[in-house]
N, C-alpha and C. Protein backbone atom coordinates (compact mmCIF):
# COMPACT_ATOMS: atom_id res chain seq x y z
N MET A 1 25.75 -2.24 2.51
CA MET A 1 26.35 -1.30 1.59
C MET A 1 25.25 -0.55 0.84
N THR A 2 25.40 0.75 0.74
CA THR A 2 24.44 1.59 0.04
C THR A 2 24.78 1.66 -1.43
N PRO A 3 23.84 1.28 -2.29
CA PRO A 3 24.13 1.37 -3.73
C PRO A 3 24.28 2.82 -4.20
N LEU A 4 25.40 3.10 -4.82
CA LEU A 4 25.65 4.41 -5.40
C LEU A 4 25.11 4.39 -6.82
N ILE A 5 24.22 5.31 -7.11
CA ILE A 5 23.66 5.39 -8.45
C ILE A 5 24.52 6.28 -9.33
N GLU A 6 24.93 7.40 -8.77
CA GLU A 6 25.66 8.40 -9.56
C GLU A 6 26.55 9.20 -8.62
N ASN A 7 27.67 9.63 -9.13
CA ASN A 7 28.55 10.55 -8.41
C ASN A 7 29.04 11.56 -9.43
N ARG A 8 28.35 12.68 -9.50
CA ARG A 8 28.65 13.67 -10.52
C ARG A 8 28.54 15.08 -9.93
N ASN A 9 29.42 15.95 -10.33
CA ASN A 9 29.44 17.33 -9.86
C ASN A 9 29.49 17.40 -8.33
N GLY A 10 30.15 16.42 -7.72
CA GLY A 10 30.28 16.41 -6.26
C GLY A 10 29.06 15.92 -5.52
N ILE A 11 28.05 15.47 -6.26
CA ILE A 11 26.81 14.99 -5.65
C ILE A 11 26.78 13.47 -5.71
N ARG A 12 26.61 12.84 -4.55
CA ARG A 12 26.44 11.39 -4.47
C ARG A 12 24.94 11.12 -4.45
N ILE A 13 24.47 10.29 -5.36
CA ILE A 13 23.05 9.92 -5.38
C ILE A 13 22.98 8.44 -5.05
N GLU A 14 22.21 8.13 -4.01
CA GLU A 14 22.14 6.77 -3.49
C GLU A 14 20.69 6.34 -3.26
N ILE A 15 20.51 5.02 -3.25
CA ILE A 15 19.27 4.40 -2.80
C ILE A 15 19.64 3.52 -1.62
N HIS A 16 18.86 3.56 -0.56
CA HIS A 16 19.13 2.76 0.62
C HIS A 16 18.13 1.62 0.74
N ASN A 17 18.53 0.58 1.45
CA ASN A 17 17.55 -0.44 1.82
C ASN A 17 17.01 -0.09 3.21
N ARG A 18 16.03 -0.85 3.67
CA ARG A 18 15.35 -0.58 4.95
C ARG A 18 14.81 0.85 4.97
N GLU A 19 14.12 1.20 3.92
CA GLU A 19 13.62 2.56 3.73
C GLU A 19 12.15 2.70 4.04
N HIS A 20 11.62 3.83 3.65
CA HIS A 20 10.23 4.21 3.85
C HIS A 20 9.74 4.86 2.57
N LEU A 21 8.44 4.99 2.46
CA LEU A 21 7.86 5.67 1.32
C LEU A 21 7.81 7.16 1.60
N PRO A 22 7.75 8.02 0.61
CA PRO A 22 7.65 7.74 -0.82
C PRO A 22 8.99 7.25 -1.38
N VAL A 23 8.91 6.70 -2.59
CA VAL A 23 10.12 6.26 -3.29
C VAL A 23 11.01 7.49 -3.44
N HIS A 24 12.26 7.37 -2.98
CA HIS A 24 13.13 8.55 -2.99
C HIS A 24 14.59 8.14 -3.15
N ILE A 25 15.40 9.15 -3.41
CA ILE A 25 16.85 9.01 -3.46
C ILE A 25 17.45 9.89 -2.39
N HIS A 26 18.67 9.57 -2.01
CA HIS A 26 19.44 10.41 -1.10
C HIS A 26 20.48 11.13 -1.96
N ALA A 27 20.49 12.44 -1.88
CA ALA A 27 21.48 13.24 -2.60
C ALA A 27 22.38 13.88 -1.55
N LYS A 28 23.68 13.59 -1.64
CA LYS A 28 24.65 14.10 -0.66
C LYS A 28 25.65 14.99 -1.36
N TYR A 29 25.89 16.13 -0.75
CA TYR A 29 26.84 17.09 -1.29
C TYR A 29 27.53 17.76 -0.10
N GLY A 30 28.81 17.45 0.10
CA GLY A 30 29.52 18.00 1.26
C GLY A 30 28.80 17.63 2.54
N GLU A 31 28.49 18.62 3.35
CA GLU A 31 27.79 18.39 4.61
C GLU A 31 26.27 18.31 4.45
N TYR A 32 25.78 18.48 3.24
CA TYR A 32 24.35 18.45 2.97
C TYR A 32 23.88 17.05 2.60
N GLU A 33 22.66 16.74 3.00
CA GLU A 33 21.99 15.53 2.53
C GLU A 33 20.51 15.84 2.40
N ALA A 34 19.94 15.40 1.28
CA ALA A 34 18.53 15.63 1.03
C ALA A 34 17.86 14.36 0.53
N LEU A 35 16.61 14.19 0.90
CA LEU A 35 15.79 13.11 0.37
C LEU A 35 14.89 13.73 -0.68
N ILE A 36 14.92 13.14 -1.88
CA ILE A 36 14.19 13.71 -3.01
C ILE A 36 13.23 12.67 -3.55
N ASN A 37 11.96 13.05 -3.64
CA ASN A 37 10.90 12.18 -4.16
C ASN A 37 11.20 11.90 -5.63
N VAL A 38 11.26 10.62 -5.99
CA VAL A 38 11.61 10.25 -7.37
C VAL A 38 10.50 10.65 -8.34
N ARG A 39 9.26 10.50 -7.96
CA ARG A 39 8.15 10.80 -8.88
C ARG A 39 7.98 12.30 -9.13
N THR A 40 8.15 13.12 -8.09
CA THR A 40 7.90 14.56 -8.24
C THR A 40 9.18 15.39 -8.38
N GLY A 41 10.30 14.85 -7.93
CA GLY A 41 11.54 15.61 -7.94
C GLY A 41 11.66 16.60 -6.80
N GLU A 42 10.69 16.60 -5.89
CA GLU A 42 10.68 17.56 -4.78
C GLU A 42 11.54 17.07 -3.62
N LEU A 43 12.26 18.00 -3.02
CA LEU A 43 13.01 17.73 -1.81
C LEU A 43 12.00 17.68 -0.66
N PHE A 44 11.96 16.58 0.10
CA PHE A 44 10.99 16.51 1.19
C PHE A 44 11.63 16.39 2.56
N LYS A 45 12.95 16.25 2.61
CA LYS A 45 13.64 16.22 3.89
C LYS A 45 15.10 16.57 3.67
N GLY A 46 15.66 17.32 4.60
CA GLY A 46 17.07 17.68 4.52
C GLY A 46 17.29 18.97 3.76
N LYS A 47 18.54 19.20 3.40
CA LYS A 47 18.93 20.43 2.69
C LYS A 47 19.93 20.10 1.60
N LEU A 48 19.88 20.91 0.55
CA LEU A 48 20.82 20.81 -0.57
C LEU A 48 20.85 22.19 -1.22
N PRO A 49 22.03 22.70 -1.57
CA PRO A 49 22.07 23.99 -2.26
C PRO A 49 21.17 23.95 -3.50
N ILE A 50 20.46 25.02 -3.77
CA ILE A 50 19.46 25.06 -4.84
C ILE A 50 20.05 24.67 -6.20
N ARG A 51 21.26 25.10 -6.50
CA ARG A 51 21.88 24.75 -7.79
C ARG A 51 22.11 23.25 -7.89
N LYS A 52 22.49 22.62 -6.79
CA LYS A 52 22.71 21.17 -6.78
C LYS A 52 21.37 20.44 -6.86
N LEU A 53 20.35 20.95 -6.20
CA LEU A 53 19.02 20.36 -6.29
C LEU A 53 18.52 20.38 -7.73
N LYS A 54 18.70 21.50 -8.41
CA LYS A 54 18.28 21.61 -9.81
C LYS A 54 19.02 20.60 -10.69
N LEU A 55 20.31 20.37 -10.43
CA LEU A 55 21.07 19.38 -11.18
C LEU A 55 20.49 17.98 -10.97
N VAL A 56 20.15 17.65 -9.73
CA VAL A 56 19.57 16.34 -9.43
C VAL A 56 18.20 16.21 -10.12
N GLN A 57 17.41 17.26 -10.09
CA GLN A 57 16.09 17.22 -10.73
C GLN A 57 16.22 17.03 -12.24
N ARG A 58 17.18 17.70 -12.86
CA ARG A 58 17.40 17.50 -14.30
C ARG A 58 17.88 16.08 -14.57
N TRP A 59 18.76 15.57 -13.70
CA TRP A 59 19.27 14.21 -13.82
C TRP A 59 18.12 13.21 -13.77
N LEU A 60 17.15 13.43 -12.89
CA LEU A 60 16.00 12.53 -12.77
C LEU A 60 15.17 12.48 -14.05
N ASN A 61 15.19 13.55 -14.83
CA ASN A 61 14.35 13.64 -16.03
C ASN A 61 14.96 12.99 -17.26
N ILE A 62 16.14 12.43 -17.15
CA ILE A 62 16.80 11.83 -18.31
C ILE A 62 16.23 10.44 -18.58
N GLY A 63 15.75 10.23 -19.78
CA GLY A 63 15.26 8.92 -20.21
C GLY A 63 14.24 8.32 -19.27
N ASP A 64 14.39 7.02 -18.99
CA ASP A 64 13.45 6.34 -18.10
C ASP A 64 14.07 6.18 -16.70
N ARG A 65 14.89 7.13 -16.33
CA ARG A 65 15.62 7.06 -15.06
C ARG A 65 14.68 6.91 -13.85
N ARG A 66 13.57 7.66 -13.84
CA ARG A 66 12.66 7.59 -12.69
C ARG A 66 12.12 6.18 -12.50
N SER A 67 11.69 5.53 -13.58
CA SER A 67 11.15 4.19 -13.45
C SER A 67 12.23 3.18 -13.07
N THR A 68 13.44 3.36 -13.57
CA THR A 68 14.55 2.48 -13.21
C THR A 68 14.87 2.62 -11.72
N ILE A 69 14.91 3.85 -11.24
CA ILE A 69 15.19 4.07 -9.81
C ILE A 69 14.08 3.48 -8.96
N GLU A 70 12.83 3.68 -9.37
CA GLU A 70 11.72 3.12 -8.61
C GLU A 70 11.81 1.60 -8.57
N PHE A 71 12.14 0.99 -9.68
CA PHE A 71 12.31 -0.46 -9.73
C PHE A 71 13.40 -0.89 -8.75
N ASN A 72 14.54 -0.22 -8.78
CA ASN A 72 15.65 -0.57 -7.88
C ASN A 72 15.30 -0.32 -6.42
N PHE A 73 14.56 0.75 -6.15
CA PHE A 73 14.12 1.04 -4.79
C PHE A 73 13.30 -0.12 -4.24
N TYR A 74 12.35 -0.62 -5.05
CA TYR A 74 11.53 -1.74 -4.60
C TYR A 74 12.30 -3.05 -4.54
N GLU A 75 13.31 -3.21 -5.37
CA GLU A 75 14.17 -4.40 -5.26
C GLU A 75 14.89 -4.40 -3.92
N LEU A 76 15.33 -3.23 -3.47
CA LEU A 76 16.03 -3.12 -2.19
C LEU A 76 15.06 -3.11 -1.00
N ASN A 77 13.82 -2.74 -1.25
CA ASN A 77 12.82 -2.60 -0.19
C ASN A 77 11.52 -3.32 -0.58
N PRO A 78 11.58 -4.63 -0.77
CA PRO A 78 10.41 -5.36 -1.26
C PRO A 78 9.21 -5.29 -0.33
N GLN A 79 9.44 -5.05 0.96
CA GLN A 79 8.34 -4.94 1.90
C GLN A 79 7.46 -3.73 1.62
N LEU A 80 7.94 -2.76 0.87
CA LEU A 80 7.19 -1.55 0.54
C LEU A 80 6.48 -1.62 -0.81
N ALA A 81 6.83 -2.61 -1.60
CA ALA A 81 6.35 -2.68 -2.98
C ALA A 81 4.88 -3.09 -3.04
N PRO A 82 4.11 -2.44 -3.93
CA PRO A 82 2.76 -2.92 -4.18
C PRO A 82 2.83 -4.33 -4.77
N SER A 83 1.78 -5.11 -4.60
CA SER A 83 1.82 -6.51 -5.01
C SER A 83 2.11 -6.69 -6.50
N ASP A 84 1.74 -5.74 -7.33
CA ASP A 84 1.95 -5.87 -8.78
C ASP A 84 3.01 -4.90 -9.30
N TRP A 85 3.97 -4.55 -8.47
CA TRP A 85 4.92 -3.50 -8.86
C TRP A 85 5.77 -3.85 -10.07
N ALA A 86 6.19 -5.10 -10.23
CA ALA A 86 7.01 -5.46 -11.39
C ALA A 86 6.22 -5.30 -12.67
N VAL A 87 4.94 -5.62 -12.63
CA VAL A 87 4.09 -5.45 -13.82
C VAL A 87 3.89 -3.97 -14.10
N GLU A 88 3.63 -3.18 -13.03
CA GLU A 88 3.46 -1.73 -13.19
C GLU A 88 4.68 -1.09 -13.83
N MET A 89 5.85 -1.57 -13.45
CA MET A 89 7.09 -0.98 -13.93
C MET A 89 7.42 -1.44 -15.35
N GLY A 90 6.70 -2.44 -15.82
CA GLY A 90 6.98 -2.95 -17.15
C GLY A 90 8.26 -3.75 -17.21
N LYS A 91 8.69 -4.27 -16.07
CA LYS A 91 9.93 -5.04 -16.00
C LYS A 91 9.68 -6.28 -15.17
N GLU A 92 10.47 -7.28 -15.41
CA GLU A 92 10.38 -8.50 -14.61
C GLU A 92 11.28 -8.36 -13.40
N SER A 93 10.91 -9.02 -12.32
CA SER A 93 11.74 -9.03 -11.13
C SER A 93 13.06 -9.72 -11.44
N LEU A 94 14.13 -9.19 -10.92
CA LEU A 94 15.45 -9.75 -11.16
C LEU A 94 15.90 -10.57 -9.95
N ASN A 95 16.57 -11.66 -10.22
CA ASN A 95 17.16 -12.38 -9.10
C ASN A 95 18.57 -11.84 -8.85
N LYS A 96 19.18 -12.23 -7.74
CA LYS A 96 20.48 -11.68 -7.37
C LYS A 96 21.55 -11.91 -8.42
N LYS A 97 21.56 -13.08 -9.03
CA LYS A 97 22.57 -13.37 -10.04
C LYS A 97 22.48 -12.39 -11.21
N GLU A 98 21.26 -12.11 -11.67
CA GLU A 98 21.09 -11.16 -12.77
C GLU A 98 21.57 -9.77 -12.37
N CYS A 99 21.30 -9.35 -11.14
CA CYS A 99 21.74 -8.04 -10.68
C CYS A 99 23.25 -7.97 -10.64
N ASP A 100 23.90 -9.04 -10.18
CA ASP A 100 25.36 -9.05 -10.11
C ASP A 100 25.98 -8.97 -11.49
N GLU A 101 25.32 -9.55 -12.48
CA GLU A 101 25.88 -9.56 -13.82
C GLU A 101 25.63 -8.27 -14.57
N ASN A 102 24.67 -7.46 -14.13
CA ASN A 102 24.31 -6.25 -14.85
C ASN A 102 24.51 -5.04 -13.94
N GLU A 103 25.62 -4.35 -14.08
CA GLU A 103 25.94 -3.23 -13.20
C GLU A 103 25.12 -1.99 -13.49
N ASP A 104 24.42 -1.92 -14.63
CA ASP A 104 23.63 -0.75 -14.98
C ASP A 104 22.34 -0.67 -14.19
N ILE A 105 21.95 -1.74 -13.55
CA ILE A 105 20.68 -1.75 -12.80
C ILE A 105 20.96 -1.45 -11.36
C-alpha cells in the first residue's frame, strides 16, 4: 500500500517504498504523475500542469514538511538511508507500533 500524504485540490501526494534517490514524492493529478525532489522542489520526472506543480511546491514549504517527508521516505526505504539519517533529521527512528499509533507521521 502506498502511503498517501495529502489529497488536496485534486492532487494526490504519495511516498512509495522500494524507491530510489533522490528523496522525492509522487504527485498525481488526473492522468499526470510527477516525481518531485523534496529538497529542491524541482520536478525531475513525469509531467504535472504548472499551476498544480506550484501548489505542490508551496505545500512543501509549509513548516518542517520537507524534513518530515524525508524522514518518512527513509522509514519506507531504509536501504537508501545514510547511516546517521535519524540523527541528521533530529528525530528518533520509530518502530511500527509507534507509526500505527500516530497517523500524522
